[in-house]
């Protein structure tokens, strides 16, 4: 299993422990492949991009502007499919821990 798959598995496990509903995993859209699409316990749909992190010095460089734009377009597309807003977040896996960061700023 590659590092990306291991990180996704760790995030999925963490989300289930937080009582989140997994709507899709590795969902392919015309705009981007979505690592995880989930619904929070409060009902918010969240698009999660999963990244491994070996050093916090690189945290702001783990997602390129081009990747971010593709994910935003995918979120807009999915928003029209679900008829509600979709929050865009990134999940970093660092030393076997999951760190979430909102990208909708």
Protein backbone atom coordinates (compact mmCIF):
# COMPACT_ATOMS: atom_id res chain seq x y z
CA UNK A 1 0.00 0.00 0.00
CA UNK A 2 1.45 3.40 -0.96
CA UNK A 3 1.81 6.39 1.42
CA UNK A 4 -1.23 8.15 -0.05
CA UNK A 5 -3.47 5.12 0.51
CA UNK A 6 -2.16 4.71 4.06
CA UNK A 7 -2.89 8.37 4.81
CA UNK A 8 -6.40 8.13 3.36
CA UNK A 9 -7.03 5.01 5.47
CA UNK A 10 -5.89 6.89 8.60
CA UNK A 11 -8.18 9.86 7.81
CA UNK A 12 -11.15 7.59 7.08
CA UNK A 13 -10.61 5.86 10.43
CA UNK A 14 -10.41 9.24 12.21
CA UNK A 15 -13.59 10.49 10.52
CA UNK A 16 -15.53 7.36 11.48
CA UNK A 17 -14.37 7.80 15.08
CA UNK A 18 -15.80 11.34 14.91
CA UNK A 19 -19.18 9.97 13.69
CA UNK A 20 -18.81 11.44 10.21
CA UNK A 21 -20.62 9.88 7.27
CA UNK A 22 -18.38 8.97 4.35
CA UNK A 23 -20.25 9.89 1.15
CA UNK A 24 -17.48 8.96 -1.29
CA UNK A 25 -13.85 7.90 -1.36
CA UNK A 26 -11.66 8.56 -4.41
CA UNK A 27 -14.54 10.13 -6.28
CA UNK A 28 -13.61 11.09 -9.83
CA UNK A 29 -15.15 14.24 -11.26
CA UNK A 30 -14.37 16.04 -14.50
CA UNK A 31 -12.44 18.61 -12.44
CA UNK A 32 -10.46 16.54 -9.93
CA UNK A 33 -10.32 13.28 -8.04
CA UNK A 34 -11.76 13.83 -4.58
CA UNK A 35 -9.96 11.90 -1.86
CA UNK A 36 -12.89 11.96 0.57
CA UNK A 37 -16.36 13.49 0.48
CA UNK A 38 -18.02 13.36 3.89
CA UNK A 39 -20.85 14.74 5.99
CA UNK A 40 -19.95 16.06 9.43
CA UNK A 41 -22.04 15.22 12.51
CA UNK A 42 -23.51 18.77 12.15
CA UNK A 43 -24.64 17.97 8.60
CA UNK A 44 -22.04 19.97 6.64
CA UNK A 45 -20.72 18.30 3.47
CA UNK A 46 -16.93 18.54 3.33
CA UNK A 47 -14.56 17.78 0.47
CA UNK A 48 -11.27 16.57 1.92
CA UNK A 49 -7.92 16.49 0.16
CA UNK A 50 -5.54 14.16 2.03
CA UNK A 51 -1.80 14.86 2.18
CA UNK A 52 1.08 13.32 4.08
CA UNK A 53 3.22 15.75 6.02
CA UNK A 54 6.76 15.04 7.12
CA UNK A 55 7.68 18.56 8.16
CA UNK A 56 5.58 21.59 9.12
CA UNK A 57 7.93 23.82 7.11
CA UNK A 58 6.22 22.48 3.97
CA UNK A 59 2.61 22.75 5.14
CA UNK A 60 1.75 25.70 2.89
CA UNK A 61 3.38 24.07 -0.14
CA UNK A 62 1.63 20.70 -0.04
CA UNK A 63 -1.18 21.92 -2.27
CA UNK A 64 -0.36 23.85 -5.43
CA UNK A 65 -2.49 26.73 -6.65
CA UNK A 66 -3.46 24.63 -9.67
CA UNK A 67 -4.61 21.75 -7.42
CA UNK A 68 -6.54 24.18 -5.23
CA UNK A 69 -8.36 25.65 -8.23
CA UNK A 70 -9.29 22.17 -9.50
CA UNK A 71 -10.63 21.23 -6.05
CA UNK A 72 -12.64 24.46 -5.84
CA UNK A 73 -14.22 23.72 -9.24
CA UNK A 74 -15.00 20.16 -8.12
CA UNK A 75 -16.57 21.54 -4.91
CA UNK A 76 -18.75 23.91 -6.97
CA UNK A 77 -19.82 21.03 -9.20
CA UNK A 78 -20.66 18.80 -6.21
CA UNK A 79 -22.48 21.67 -4.55
CA UNK A 80 -24.87 21.76 -7.51
CA UNK A 81 -25.29 17.97 -7.31
CA UNK A 82 -26.09 17.99 -3.57
CA UNK A 83 -27.94 21.32 -3.72
CA UNK A 84 -25.97 22.69 -0.76
CA UNK A 85 -22.64 24.34 -0.11
CA UNK A 86 -19.54 22.18 0.17
CA UNK A 87 -16.70 23.11 2.50
CA UNK A 88 -13.19 22.52 1.18
CA UNK A 89 -10.61 21.21 3.66
CA UNK A 90 -7.27 19.47 3.70
CA UNK A 91 -6.34 16.65 6.04
CA UNK A 92 -2.64 16.33 6.82
CA UNK A 93 -1.32 13.08 8.26
CA UNK A 94 1.68 13.81 10.43
CA UNK A 95 3.30 11.21 12.69
CA UNK A 96 0.15 9.06 12.62
CA UNK A 97 -2.08 11.99 13.62
CA UNK A 98 -4.63 13.79 11.45
CA UNK A 99 -4.64 17.59 11.29
CA UNK A 100 -7.54 19.34 9.50
CA UNK A 101 -7.29 22.72 7.85
CA UNK A 102 -10.10 24.71 6.23
CA UNK A 103 -9.31 25.94 2.71
CA UNK A 104 -12.42 28.08 2.26
CA UNK A 105 -10.75 31.27 3.46
